[in-house]
PDB file of N, CA and C in Angstrom:
ATOM      1  N   MET A   1      20.208  -9.381   1.202  1.00  0.00           N
ATOM      2  CA  MET A   1      20.750  -7.894   1.586  1.00  0.00           C
ATOM      3  C   MET A   1      19.258  -6.750   1.455  1.00  0.00           C
ATOM      4  N   VAL A   2      19.494  -5.888   2.754  1.00  0.00           N
ATOM      5  CA  VAL A   2      18.278  -4.668   2.275  1.00  0.00           C
ATOM      6  C   VAL A   2      18.267  -4.149   2.200  1.00  0.00           C
ATOM      7  N   ASP A   3      18.242  -2.669   0.827  1.00  0.00           N
ATOM      8  CA  ASP A   3      18.297  -1.835   0.817  1.00  0.00           C
ATOM      9  C   ASP A   3      17.306  -0.427   1.652  1.00  0.00           C
ATOM     10  N   VAL A   4      18.461   0.611   2.508  1.00  0.00           N
ATOM     11  CA  VAL A   4      18.239   1.324   3.090  1.00  0.00           C
ATOM     12  C   VAL A   4      17.986   2.349   3.436  1.00  0.00           C
ATOM     13  N   LEU A   5      17.129   2.603   1.585  1.00  0.00           N
ATOM     14  CA  LEU A   5      17.017   3.648   1.235  1.00  0.00           C
ATOM     15  C   LEU A   5      15.640   3.282   0.478  1.00  0.00           C
ATOM     16  N   ALA A   6      15.431   2.049   0.054  1.00  0.00           N
ATOM     17  CA  ALA A   6      14.336   1.105   0.304  1.00  0.00           C
ATOM     18  C   ALA A   6      13.245   3.034   0.861  1.00  0.00           C
ATOM     19  N   ALA A   7      11.799   2.636   0.215  1.00  0.00           N
ATOM     20  CA  ALA A   7      11.234   3.370   1.003  1.00  0.00           C
ATOM     21  C   ALA A   7      10.442   2.700   2.214  1.00  0.00           C
ATOM     22  N   THR A   8      10.041   3.193   2.409  1.00  0.00           N
ATOM     23  CA  THR A   8       9.652   2.814   4.661  1.00  0.00           C
ATOM     24  C   THR A   8       7.744   2.865   3.890  1.00  0.00           C
ATOM     25  N   SER A   9       7.061   2.982   5.143  1.00  0.00           N
ATOM     26  CA  SER A   9       5.202   2.569   5.656  1.00  0.00           C
ATOM     27  C   SER A   9       5.122   3.691   5.587  1.00  0.00           C
ATOM     28  N   ALA A  10       6.271   4.437   5.959  1.00  0.00           N
ATOM     29  CA  ALA A  10       6.393   6.347   6.419  1.00  0.00           C
ATOM     30  C   ALA A  10       6.111   7.083   4.793  1.00  0.00           C
ATOM     31  N   ASP A  11       7.382   6.418   4.337  1.00  0.00           N
ATOM     32  CA  ASP A  11       7.459   6.134   2.401  1.00  0.00           C
ATOM     33  C   ASP A  11       5.838   6.858   1.701  1.00  0.00           C
ATOM     34  N   VAL A  12       5.307   5.438   2.049  1.00  0.00           N
ATOM     35  CA  VAL A  12       4.616   5.191   1.254  1.00  0.00           C
ATOM     36  C   VAL A  12       3.016   5.841   1.583  1.00  0.00           C
ATOM     37  N   HIS A  13       3.062   6.276   3.057  1.00  0.00           N
ATOM     38  CA  HIS A  13       1.961   7.486   3.532  1.00  0.00           C
ATOM     39  C   HIS A  13       2.261   9.005   3.388  1.00  0.00           C
ATOM     40  N   ALA A  14       2.991   9.113   3.444  1.00  0.00           N
ATOM     41  CA  ALA A  14       3.123  10.743   2.766  1.00  0.00           C
ATOM     42  C   ALA A  14       3.220  10.342   1.568  1.00  0.00           C
ATOM     43  N   VAL A  15       3.318   9.952   1.120  1.00  0.00           N
ATOM     44  CA  VAL A  15       2.810   9.761  -1.064  1.00  0.00           C
ATOM     45  C   VAL A  15       0.891   9.465  -0.858  1.00  0.00           C
ATOM     46  N   LEU A  16       1.035   9.113  -0.859  1.00  0.00           N
ATOM     47  CA  LEU A  16      -1.025   8.617  -0.750  1.00  0.00           C
ATOM     48  C   LEU A  16      -0.504   9.482  -0.228  1.00  0.00           C
ATOM     49  N   SER A  17      -0.547  10.685   1.280  1.00  0.00           N
ATOM     50  CA  SER A  17      -1.124  10.851   1.542  1.00  0.00           C
ATOM     51  C   SER A  17      -1.182  12.180   0.789  1.00  0.00           C
ATOM     52  N   GLN A  18      -0.590  12.657  -0.270  1.00  0.00           N
ATOM     53  CA  GLN A  18      -0.514  14.101  -1.037  1.00  0.00           C
ATOM     54  C   GLN A  18      -2.291  14.408  -2.620  1.00  0.00           C
ATOM     55  N   ARG A  19      -3.386  13.549  -1.756  1.00  0.00           N
ATOM     56  CA  ARG A  19      -3.932  14.439  -2.733  1.00  0.00           C
ATOM     57  C   ARG A  19      -4.661  14.919  -3.080  1.00  0.00           C
ATOM     58  N   ALA A  20      -3.572  16.522  -2.262  1.00  0.00           N
ATOM     59  CA  ALA A  20      -3.734  17.725  -2.808  1.00  0.00           C
ATOM     60  C   ALA A  20      -3.075  18.345  -3.709  1.00  0.00           C
ATOM     61  N   SER A  21      -1.817  16.863  -4.274  1.00  0.00           N
ATOM     62  CA  SER A  21      -1.329  17.258  -5.544  1.00  0.00           C
ATOM     63  C   SER A  21      -1.675  16.115  -6.506  1.00  0.00           C
ATOM     64  N   GLY A  22      -3.590  16.321  -6.640  1.00  0.00           N
ATOM     65  CA  GLY A  22      -3.847  16.290  -7.768  1.00  0.00           C
ATOM     66  C   GLY A  22      -4.531  15.072  -7.913  1.00  0.00           C
ATOM     67  N   PRO A  23      -5.462  14.072  -8.474  1.00  0.00           N
ATOM     68  CA  PRO A  23      -5.719  13.362  -8.617  1.00  0.00           C
ATOM     69  C   PRO A  23      -5.304  11.758  -9.197  1.00  0.00           C
ATOM     70  N   LEU A  24      -5.042  10.811  -8.339  1.00  0.00           N
ATOM     71  CA  LEU A  24      -4.372   9.852  -8.749  1.00  0.00           C
ATOM     72  C   LEU A  24      -3.663   9.445 -10.386  1.00  0.00           C
ATOM     73  N   SER A  25      -4.255  10.106 -10.780  1.00  0.00           N
ATOM     74  CA  SER A  25      -3.430   9.213 -12.521  1.00  0.00           C
ATOM     75  C   SER A  25      -2.140  10.531 -13.064  1.00  0.00           C
ATOM     76  N   GLY A  26      -2.172  11.790 -12.056  1.00  0.00           N
ATOM     77  CA  GLY A  26      -1.226  12.961 -12.394  1.00  0.00           C
ATOM     78  C   GLY A  26      -0.674  13.134 -12.023  1.00  0.00           C
ATOM     79  N   ARG A  27       0.013  11.424 -10.421  1.00  0.00           N
ATOM     80  CA  ARG A  27       0.437  10.907  -9.316  1.00  0.00           C
ATOM     81  C   ARG A  27       1.158   9.591  -9.625  1.00  0.00           C
ATOM     82  N   ARG A  28       0.464   9.190 -10.754  1.00  0.00           N
ATOM     83  CA  ARG A  28       0.763   7.394 -10.551  1.00  0.00           C
ATOM     84  C   ARG A  28       1.864   6.629 -11.276  1.00  0.00           C
ATOM     85  N   GLU A  29       3.188   7.281 -11.375  1.00  0.00           N
ATOM     86  CA  GLU A  29       4.536   7.208 -11.840  1.00  0.00           C
ATOM     87  C   GLU A  29       4.949   7.189  -9.902  1.00  0.00           C
ATOM     88  N   GLN A  30       5.053   8.428  -9.390  1.00  0.00           N
ATOM     89  CA  GLN A  30       5.215   8.197  -8.173  1.00  0.00           C
ATOM     90  C   GLN A  30       5.159   7.472  -7.516  1.00  0.00           C
ATOM     91  N   VAL A  31       4.149   7.166  -7.170  1.00  0.00           N
ATOM     92  CA  VAL A  31       2.608   6.396  -6.505  1.00  0.00           C
ATOM     93  C   VAL A  31       3.506   5.434  -6.628  1.00  0.00           C
ATOM     94  N   ALA A  32       3.552   4.793  -7.961  1.00  0.00           N
ATOM     95  CA  ALA A  32       4.008   3.243  -8.440  1.00  0.00           C
ATOM     96  C   ALA A  32       5.997   3.013  -7.977  1.00  0.00           C
ATOM     97  N   ARG A  33       5.991   4.729  -8.352  1.00  0.00           N
ATOM     98  CA  ARG A  33       7.416   3.770  -7.435  1.00  0.00           C
ATOM     99  C   ARG A  33       7.993   3.824  -6.240  1.00  0.00           C
ATOM    100  N   THR A  34       7.007   3.860  -5.703  1.00  0.00           N
ATOM    101  CA  THR A  34       7.309   4.306  -3.514  1.00  0.00           C
ATOM    102  C   THR A  34       7.046   2.858  -3.893  1.00  0.00           C
ATOM    103  N   LEU A  35       5.599   2.506  -3.680  1.00  0.00           N
ATOM    104  CA  LEU A  35       4.819   1.086  -3.337  1.00  0.00           C
ATOM    105  C   LEU A  35       6.426  -0.428  -3.751  1.00  0.00           C
ATOM    106  N   ARG A  36       6.672  -0.080  -5.391  1.00  0.00           N
ATOM    107  CA  ARG A  36       7.729  -0.940  -5.883  1.00  0.00           C
ATOM    108  C   ARG A  36       8.987  -1.181  -5.101  1.00  0.00           C
ATOM    109  N   GLU A  37       9.108   0.038  -4.517  1.00  0.00           N
ATOM    110  CA  GLU A  37      10.504  -0.419  -3.591  1.00  0.00           C
ATOM    111  C   GLU A  37      10.142   0.176  -2.118  1.00  0.00           C
ATOM    112  N   PHE A  38       8.561  -0.796  -1.676  1.00  0.00           N
ATOM    113  CA  PHE A  38       8.321  -0.415  -0.524  1.00  0.00           C
ATOM    114  C   PHE A  38       7.702  -2.410  -0.782  1.00  0.00           C
ATOM    115  N   VAL A  39       7.609  -2.649  -2.149  1.00  0.00           N
ATOM    116  CA  VAL A  39       6.979  -3.767  -2.023  1.00  0.00           C
ATOM    117  C   VAL A  39       8.754  -4.566  -1.849  1.00  0.00           C
ATOM    118  N   ASP A  40       9.395  -4.170  -3.167  1.00  0.00           N
ATOM    119  CA  ASP A  40      10.572  -5.267  -2.790  1.00  0.00           C
ATOM    120  C   ASP A  40      11.930  -5.030  -1.769  1.00  0.00           C
ATOM    121  N   ALA A  41      11.284  -4.188  -0.649  1.00  0.00           N
ATOM    122  CA  ALA A  41      12.379  -4.419   0.269  1.00  0.00           C
ATOM    123  C   ALA A  41      11.086  -4.681   1.210  1.00  0.00           C
ATOM    124  N   ASN A  42       9.635  -5.469   1.506  1.00  0.00           N
ATOM    125  CA  ASN A  42       9.492  -5.939   3.267  1.00  0.00           C
ATOM    126  C   ASN A  42       9.355  -7.317   2.050  1.00  0.00           C
ATOM    127  N   GLU A  43       8.905  -7.937   1.188  1.00  0.00           N
ATOM    128  CA  GLU A  43       8.114  -8.795   0.144  1.00  0.00           C
ATOM    129  C   GLU A  43       8.653 -10.406   1.213  1.00  0.00           C
ATOM    130  N   ASP A  44       9.527 -10.545   1.778  1.00  0.00           N
ATOM    131  CA  ASP A  44      10.096 -11.476   1.934  1.00  0.00           C
ATOM    132  C   ASP A  44      10.104 -11.285   3.490  1.00  0.00           C
ATOM    133  N   ALA A  45       9.090 -11.753   4.241  1.00  0.00           N
ATOM    134  CA  ALA A  45       9.017 -11.978   5.575  1.00  0.00           C
ATOM    135  C   ALA A  45      10.292 -11.282   6.164  1.00  0.00           C
ATOM    136  N   ARG A  46      11.019 -12.514   6.557  1.00  0.00           N
ATOM    137  CA  ARG A  46      12.299 -12.659   7.217  1.00  0.00           C
ATOM    138  C   ARG A  46      13.333 -11.678   7.404  1.00  0.00           C
ATOM    139  N   ALA A  47      12.897 -11.898   5.736  1.00  0.00           N
ATOM    140  CA  ALA A  47      13.479  -9.826   5.582  1.00  0.00           C
ATOM    141  C   ALA A  47      13.325  -8.427   5.485  1.00  0.00           C
ATOM    142  N   SER A  48      12.119  -8.109   5.848  1.00  0.00           N
ATOM    143  CA  SER A  48      10.948  -6.887   5.858  1.00  0.00           C
ATOM    144  C   SER A  48      11.513  -5.760   7.105  1.00  0.00           C
ATOM    145  N   PRO A  49      12.344  -5.504   6.798  1.00  0.00           N
ATOM    146  CA  PRO A  49      12.463  -3.901   7.762  1.00  0.00           C
ATOM    147  C   PRO A  49      11.435  -3.297   8.012  1.00  0.00           C
ATOM    148  N   ASN A  50      10.049  -3.548   8.159  1.00  0.00           N
ATOM    149  CA  ASN A  50       8.775  -3.237   8.254  1.00  0.00           C
ATOM    150  C   ASN A  50       8.650  -4.104   8.918  1.00  0.00           C
ATOM    151  N   LEU A  51       8.599  -5.599   8.979  1.00  0.00           N
ATOM    152  CA  LEU A  51       7.939  -6.167   9.917  1.00  0.00           C
ATOM    153  C   LEU A  51       8.351  -6.120  11.193  1.00  0.00           C
ATOM    154  N   ARG A  52      10.293  -5.525  11.058  1.00  0.00           N
ATOM    155  CA  ARG A  52      11.301  -5.560  12.176  1.00  0.00           C
ATOM    156  C   ARG A  52      11.036  -4.350  13.156  1.00  0.00           C
ATOM    157  N   ASP A  53       9.650  -3.604  12.790  1.00  0.00           N
ATOM    158  CA  ASP A  53      10.025  -1.934  12.790  1.00  0.00           C
ATOM    159  C   ASP A  53       9.088  -1.763  13.865  1.00  0.00           C
ATOM    160  N   GLU A  54       8.893  -1.941  15.194  1.00  0.00           N
ATOM    161  CA  GLU A  54       7.485  -2.200  15.571  1.00  0.00           C
ATOM    162  C   GLU A  54       7.141  -0.714  16.251  1.00  0.00           C
ATOM    163  N   ARG A  55       7.165   0.768  15.650  1.00  0.00           N
ATOM    164  CA  ARG A  55       6.283   1.407  15.642  1.00  0.00           C
ATOM    165  C   ARG A  55       4.787   0.782  14.341  1.00  0.00           C
ATOM    166  N   ARG A  56       4.340   1.665  14.947  1.00  0.00           N
ATOM    167  CA  ARG A  56       2.923   1.400  14.734  1.00  0.00           C
ATOM    168  C   ARG A  56       2.637   2.217  12.964  1.00  0.00           C
ATOM    169  N   ASP A  57       1.973   1.288  11.410  1.00  0.00           N
ATOM    170  CA  ASP A  57       2.300   2.110  10.093  1.00  0.00           C
ATOM    171  C   ASP A  57       1.085   3.330  10.232  1.00  0.00           C
ATOM    172  N   GLU A  58       1.068   4.240   9.432  1.00  0.00           N
ATOM    173  CA  GLU A  58       0.029   4.753   9.682  1.00  0.00           C
ATOM    174  C   GLU A  58      -0.249   3.938   7.929  1.00  0.00           C
ATOM    175  N   LEU A  59      -1.903   4.363   8.325  1.00  0.00           N
ATOM    176  CA  LEU A  59      -3.160   3.621   8.085  1.00  0.00           C
ATOM    177  C   LEU A  59      -3.649   4.040   6.866  1.00  0.00           C
ATOM    178  N   GLY A  60      -3.823   5.800   6.927  1.00  0.00           N
ATOM    179  CA  GLY A  60      -4.668   6.087   6.110  1.00  0.00           C
ATOM    180  C   GLY A  60      -3.609   6.424   4.585  1.00  0.00           C
ATOM    181  N   GLY A  61      -3.051   6.562   4.190  1.00  0.00           N
ATOM    182  CA  GLY A  61      -2.495   6.836   3.001  1.00  0.00           C
ATOM    183  C   GLY A  61      -3.413   5.558   2.083  1.00  0.00           C
ATOM    184  N   ILE A  62      -2.983   4.502   2.938  1.00  0.00           N
ATOM    185  CA  ILE A  62      -3.571   3.223   1.521  1.00  0.00           C
ATOM    186  C   ILE A  62      -4.522   3.108   1.467  1.00  0.00           C
ATOM    187  N   THR A  63      -5.069   3.412   2.449  1.00  0.00           N
ATOM    188  CA  THR A  63      -7.188   2.854   2.754  1.00  0.00           C
ATOM    189  C   THR A  63      -7.698   4.266   1.430  1.00  0.00           C
ATOM    190  N   SER A  64      -6.807   5.632   1.597  1.00  0.00           N
ATOM    191  CA  SER A  64      -6.225   6.795   0.938  1.00  0.00           C
ATOM    192  C   SER A  64      -6.965   5.302  -0.877  1.00  0.00           C
ATOM    193  N   LEU A  65      -5.561   5.269  -0.953  1.00  0.00           N
ATOM    194  CA  LEU A  65      -5.284   4.896  -2.426  1.00  0.00           C
ATOM    195  C   LEU A  65      -6.230   3.478  -2.515  1.00  0.00           C
ATOM    196  N   LEU A  66      -6.588   2.654  -1.658  1.00  0.00           N
ATOM    197  CA  LEU A  66      -7.534   1.761  -2.538  1.00  0.00           C
ATOM    198  C   LEU A  66      -8.663   2.169  -2.327  1.00  0.00           C
ATOM    199  N   THR A  67      -9.464   3.438  -2.452  1.00  0.00           N
ATOM    200  CA  THR A  67     -10.911   3.290  -1.273  1.00  0.00           C
ATOM    201  C   THR A  67     -10.663   4.381  -2.552  1.00  0.00           C
ATOM    202  N   ASP A  68     -10.215   4.880  -3.784  1.00  0.00           N
ATOM    203  CA  ASP A  68      -9.594   5.609  -5.209  1.00  0.00           C
ATOM    204  C   ASP A  68     -11.312   5.323  -6.216  1.00  0.00           C
ATOM    205  N   GLY A  69     -11.431   6.251  -6.398  1.00  0.00           N
ATOM    206  CA  GLY A  69     -12.150   5.463  -7.666  1.00  0.00           C
ATOM    207  C   GLY A  69     -11.201   5.098  -8.465  1.00  0.00           C
ATOM    208  N   ASP A  70     -10.461   5.418  -8.979  1.00  0.00           N
ATOM    209  CA  ASP A  70      -9.247   5.436 -10.488  1.00  0.00           C
ATOM    210  C   ASP A  70      -8.896   4.173 -10.508  1.00  0.00           C
ATOM    211  N   LEU A  71      -7.655   3.465  -9.366  1.00  0.00           N
ATOM    212  CA  LEU A  71      -7.019   2.409  -8.930  1.00  0.00           C
ATOM    213  C   LEU A  71      -8.186   0.918  -9.707  1.00  0.00           C
ATOM    214  N   PRO A  72      -9.274   0.367  -9.446  1.00  0.00           N
ATOM    215  CA  PRO A  72      -9.244  -0.779 -10.594  1.00  0.00           C
ATOM    216  C   PRO A  72      -9.253  -0.038 -11.752  1.00  0.00           C
ATOM    217  N   GLY A  73      -9.578   0.707 -11.916  1.00  0.00           N
ATOM    218  CA  GLY A  73      -9.105   0.141 -13.694  1.00  0.00           C
ATOM    219  C   GLY A  73      -7.235   0.292 -13.951  1.00  0.00           C
ATOM    220  N   ASP A  74      -6.725   0.539 -13.113  1.00  0.00           N
ATOM    221  CA  ASP A  74      -4.866   0.555 -13.121  1.00  0.00           C
ATOM    222  C   ASP A  74      -4.443  -1.174 -11.917  1.00  0.00           C
ATOM    223  N   GLN A  75      -4.801  -1.882 -12.990  1.00  0.00           N
ATOM    224  CA  GLN A  75      -4.624  -3.758 -12.674  1.00  0.00           C
ATOM    225  C   GLN A  75      -3.072  -3.559 -12.056  1.00  0.00           C
ATOM    226  N   ASP A  76      -2.249  -2.491 -13.003  1.00  0.00           N
ATOM    227  CA  ASP A  76      -0.627  -3.079 -11.601  1.00  0.00           C
ATOM    228  C   ASP A  76      -0.580  -2.304 -10.958  1.00  0.00           C
ATOM    229  N   LEU A  77      -1.034  -1.042 -10.831  1.00  0.00           N
ATOM    230  CA  LEU A  77      -0.783  -0.571  -9.422  1.00  0.00           C
ATOM    231  C   LEU A  77      -2.309  -0.844  -8.508  1.00  0.00           C
ATOM    232  N   ALA A  78      -3.456  -1.429  -8.777  1.00  0.00           N
ATOM    233  CA  ALA A  78      -3.972  -2.517  -7.753  1.00  0.00           C
ATOM    234  C   ALA A  78      -3.428  -3.597  -7.406  1.00  0.00           C
ATOM    235  N   LEU A  79      -2.356  -3.965  -7.764  1.00  0.00           N
ATOM    236  CA  LEU A  79      -0.968  -5.341  -7.644  1.00  0.00           C
ATOM    237  C   LEU A  79      -0.328  -4.481  -6.439  1.00  0.00           C
ATOM    238  N   LEU A  80       0.060  -3.517  -6.847  1.00  0.00           N
ATOM    239  CA  LEU A  80       0.684  -3.216  -5.551  1.00  0.00           C
ATOM    240  C   LEU A  80       0.482  -2.252  -4.509  1.00  0.00           C
ATOM    241  N   ALA A  81      -0.119  -1.999  -5.121  1.00  0.00           N
ATOM    242  CA  ALA A  81      -1.780  -1.555  -3.357  1.00  0.00           C
ATOM    243  C   ALA A  81      -1.762  -2.787  -2.880  1.00  0.00           C
ATOM    244  N   LEU A  82      -2.670  -3.438  -2.677  1.00  0.00           N
ATOM    245  CA  LEU A  82      -2.445  -4.741  -2.369  1.00  0.00           C
ATOM    246  C   LEU A  82      -1.210  -5.761  -1.900  1.00  0.00           C
ATOM    247  N   LYS A  83      -0.541  -6.177  -1.743  1.00  0.00           N
ATOM    248  CA  LYS A  83       0.723  -6.745  -1.461  1.00  0.00           C
ATOM    249  C   LYS A  83       0.841  -5.123   0.158  1.00  0.00           C
ATOM    250  N   THR A  84       1.469  -4.298  -0.717  1.00  0.00           N
ATOM    251  CA  THR A  84       1.563  -3.335   0.335  1.00  0.00           C
ATOM    252  C   THR A  84       0.724  -3.426   1.455  1.00  0.00           C
ATOM    253  N   LEU A  85      -0.787  -3.553   0.493  1.00  0.00           N
ATOM    254  CA  LEU A  85      -1.653  -4.203   2.444  1.00  0.00           C
ATOM    255  C   LEU A  85      -2.078  -5.342   3.081  1.00  0.00           C
ATOM    256  N   LYS A  86      -0.680  -6.767   2.135  1.00  0.00           N
ATOM    257  CA  LYS A  86      -0.875  -7.456   2.310  1.00  0.00           C
ATOM    258  C   LYS A  86       0.722  -7.405   3.724  1.00  0.00           C
ATOM    259  N   ILE A  87       1.687  -6.605   3.028  1.00  0.00           N
ATOM    260  CA  ILE A  87       3.098  -6.321   3.680  1.00  0.00           C
ATOM    261  C   ILE A  87       2.373  -6.213   5.058  1.00  0.00           C
ATOM    262  N   LEU A  88       2.058  -4.615   5.508  1.00  0.00           N
ATOM    263  CA  LEU A  88       1.370  -4.198   6.408  1.00  0.00           C
ATOM    264  C   LEU A  88       0.610  -4.640   7.336  1.00  0.00           C
ATOM    265  N   SER A  89      -0.466  -5.731   6.422  1.00  0.00           N
ATOM    266  CA  SER A  89      -1.062  -6.417   7.069  1.00  0.00           C
ATOM    267  C   SER A  89       0.024  -7.387   8.788  1.00  0.00           C
ATOM    268  N   ARG A  90       0.869  -7.859   8.179  1.00  0.00           N
ATOM    269  CA  ARG A  90       1.524  -8.754   8.704  1.00  0.00           C
ATOM    270  C   ARG A  90       2.131  -8.399  10.804  1.00  0.00           C
ATOM    271  N   LYS A  91       1.602  -6.872  10.114  1.00  0.00           N
ATOM    272  CA  LYS A  91       1.498  -6.778  12.008  1.00  0.00           C
ATOM    273  C   LYS A  91       0.043  -6.771  13.091  1.00  0.00           C
ATOM    274  N   GLU A  92      -0.118  -7.349  14.443  1.00  0.00           N
ATOM    275  CA  GLU A  92      -1.636  -7.025  14.470  1.00  0.00           C
ATOM    276  C   GLU A  92      -2.503  -6.261  14.478  1.00  0.00           C
ATOM    277  N   ASP A  93      -1.278  -5.456  15.375  1.00  0.00           N
ATOM    278  CA  ASP A  93      -1.653  -4.243  15.017  1.00  0.00           C
ATOM    279  C   ASP A  93      -2.147  -3.282  14.321  1.00  0.00           C
ATOM    280  N   ASN A  94      -1.660  -3.779  12.908  1.00  0.00           N
ATOM    281  CA  ASN A  94      -2.272  -2.955  11.609  1.00  0.00           C
ATOM    282  C   ASN A  94      -3.262  -3.448  11.465  1.00  0.00           C
ATOM    283  N   ARG A  95      -3.160  -5.442  11.010  1.00  0.00           N
ATOM    284  CA  ARG A  95      -4.922  -5.784  11.367  1.00  0.00           C
ATOM    285  C   ARG A  95      -5.645  -5.120  12.182  1.00  0.00           C
ATOM    286  N   ARG A  96      -5.514  -5.241  13.391  1.00  0.00           N
ATOM    287  CA  ARG A  96      -6.938  -4.800  14.591  1.00  0.00           C
ATOM    288  C   ARG A  96      -7.362  -3.508  13.746  1.00  0.00           C
ATOM    289  N   ARG A  97      -7.089  -3.066  13.572  1.00  0.00           N
ATOM    290  CA  ARG A  97      -7.305  -1.509  12.669  1.00  0.00           C
ATOM    291  C   ARG A  97      -7.911  -1.428  11.386  1.00  0.00           C
ATOM    292  N   PHE A  98      -7.748  -1.657  10.641  1.00  0.00           N
ATOM    293  CA  PHE A  98      -8.265  -2.550   9.091  1.00  0.00           C
ATOM    294  C   PHE A  98     -10.265  -1.951   9.712  1.00  0.00           C
ATOM    295  N   GLY A  99     -10.358  -0.771   8.575  1.00  0.00           N
ATOM    296  CA  GLY A  99     -11.938  -0.741   8.723  1.00  0.00           C
ATOM    297  C   GLY A  99     -12.644  -1.112   8.004  1.00  0.00           C
ATOM    298  N   ARG A 100     -13.874  -0.649   8.435  1.00  0.00           N
ATOM    299  CA  ARG A 100     -15.078  -1.328   6.911  1.00  0.00           C
ATOM    300  C   ARG A 100     -14.147  -0.448   5.387  1.00  0.00           C
ATOM    301  N   GLU A 101     -13.807   0.961   5.467  1.00  0.00           N
ATOM    302  CA  GLU A 101     -13.548   1.393   4.226  1.00  0.00           C
ATOM    303  C   GLU A 101     -13.108   0.516   3.711  1.00  0.00           C
ATOM    304  N   LEU A 102     -11.516   0.036   4.435  1.00  0.00           N
ATOM    305  CA  LEU A 102     -10.470  -0.610   3.542  1.00  0.00           C
ATOM    306  C   LEU A 102     -11.087  -1.831   3.520  1.00  0.00           C
ATOM    307  N   CYS A 103     -11.923  -2.530   4.329  1.00  0.00           N
ATOM    308  CA  CYS A 103     -12.145  -4.058   4.096  1.00  0.00           C
ATOM    309  C   CYS A 103     -13.599  -4.060   2.732  1.00  0.00           C
ATOM    310  N   ARG A 104     -14.206  -3.327   2.486  1.00  0.00           N
ATOM    311  CA  ARG A 104     -14.809  -3.511   1.189  1.00  0.00           C
ATOM    312  C   ARG A 104     -14.428  -3.042   0.256  1.00  0.00           C
ATOM    313  N   ALA A 105     -13.344  -2.159   0.106  1.00  0.00           N
ATOM    314  CA  ALA A 105     -12.211  -1.274  -0.913  1.00  0.00           C
ATOM    315  C   ALA A 105     -11.710  -2.763  -1.598  1.00  0.00           C
ATOM    316  N   VAL A 106     -10.845  -3.737  -0.622  1.00  0.00           N
ATOM    317  CA  VAL A 106     -10.316  -5.158  -0.927  1.00  0.00           C
ATOM    318  C   VAL A 106     -10.967  -5.980  -1.572  1.00  0.00           C
ATOM    319  N   VAL A 107     -12.478  -6.040  -0.899  1.00  0.00           N
ATOM    320  CA  VAL A 107     -13.728  -6.783  -1.713  1.00  0.00           C
ATOM    321  C   VAL A 107     -13.727  -6.191  -3.319  1.00  0.00           C
ATOM    322  N   ARG A 108     -13.707  -4.750  -3.517  1.00  0.00           N
ATOM    323  CA  ARG A 108     -14.432  -3.482  -4.942  1.00  0.00           C
ATOM    324  C   ARG A 108     -13.019  -4.582  -5.175  1.00  0.00           C
ATOM    325  N   LEU A 109     -11.723  -4.190  -4.982  1.00  0.00           N
ATOM    326  CA  LEU A 109     -10.831  -4.913  -5.821  1.00  0.00           C
ATOM    327  C   LEU A 109     -10.444  -6.402  -6.821  1.00  0.00           C
ATOM    328  N   ALA A 110     -10.549  -7.522  -5.872  1.00  0.00           N
ATOM    329  CA  ALA A 110     -11.597  -8.435  -6.044  1.00  0.00           C
ATOM    330  C   ALA A 110     -12.474  -8.893  -7.132  1.00  0.00           C
ATOM    331  N   LEU A 111     -13.138  -8.508  -6.773  1.00  0.00           N
ATOM    332  CA  LEU A 111     -14.891  -8.481  -7.931  1.00  0.00           C
ATOM    333  C   LEU A 111     -14.204  -7.822  -8.852  1.00  0.00           C
ATOM    334  N   THR A 112     -13.213  -6.289  -8.671  1.00  0.00           N
ATOM    335  CA  THR A 112     -12.706  -6.027  -9.902  1.00  0.00           C
ATOM    336  C   THR A 112     -11.665  -7.579 -10.753  1.00  0.00           C
ATOM    337  N   HIS A 113     -10.967  -7.497 -10.233  1.00  0.00           N
ATOM    338  CA  HIS A 113      -9.963  -8.042 -10.966  1.00  0.00           C
ATOM    339  C   HIS A 113     -10.026  -9.967 -10.074  1.00  0.00           C
ATOM    340  N   PRO A 114     -11.001 -10.801 -10.538  1.00  0.00           N
ATOM    341  CA  PRO A 114     -10.690 -11.769 -10.376  1.00  0.00           C
ATOM    342  C   PRO A 114      -9.550 -13.204 -10.986  1.00  0.00           C
ATOM    343  N   ARG A 115      -8.521 -12.683 -11.831  1.00  0.00           N
ATOM    344  CA  ARG A 115      -7.706 -13.191 -12.067  1.00  0.00           C
ATOM    345  C   ARG A 115      -6.320 -12.998 -11.181  1.00  0.00           C
ATOM    346  N   ALA A 116      -6.598 -11.807 -10.956  1.00  0.00           N
ATOM    347  CA  ALA A 116      -5.040 -11.087 -10.594  1.00  0.00           C
ATOM    348  C   ALA A 116      -4.406 -11.984  -9.585  1.00  0.00           C
TER     349      ALA A 116
END
């Protein structure tokens, strides 16, 4: 059963785009909670509301998080960010829009946490 109140990709983008509200460390709990809700609601591709939603996902927020210099030091948040990206990447349109910056950020995290 899907939680209809769970975070959507639009919610994720909104929270991650709030850079003006301070550094990641000051927003960590809110960011983690939103990502966890999104991941929990969408981890199973067969029941994923995000995958069934044909609207284009905004990737600016997740790109901003994955390129944040503080993220590699927070393994739990980094894992949630990568799971979120995995879910978003199920849509072909999203995969086509991954830029060089996003790909480099994923590689940087993989090198920082090789066993995660």
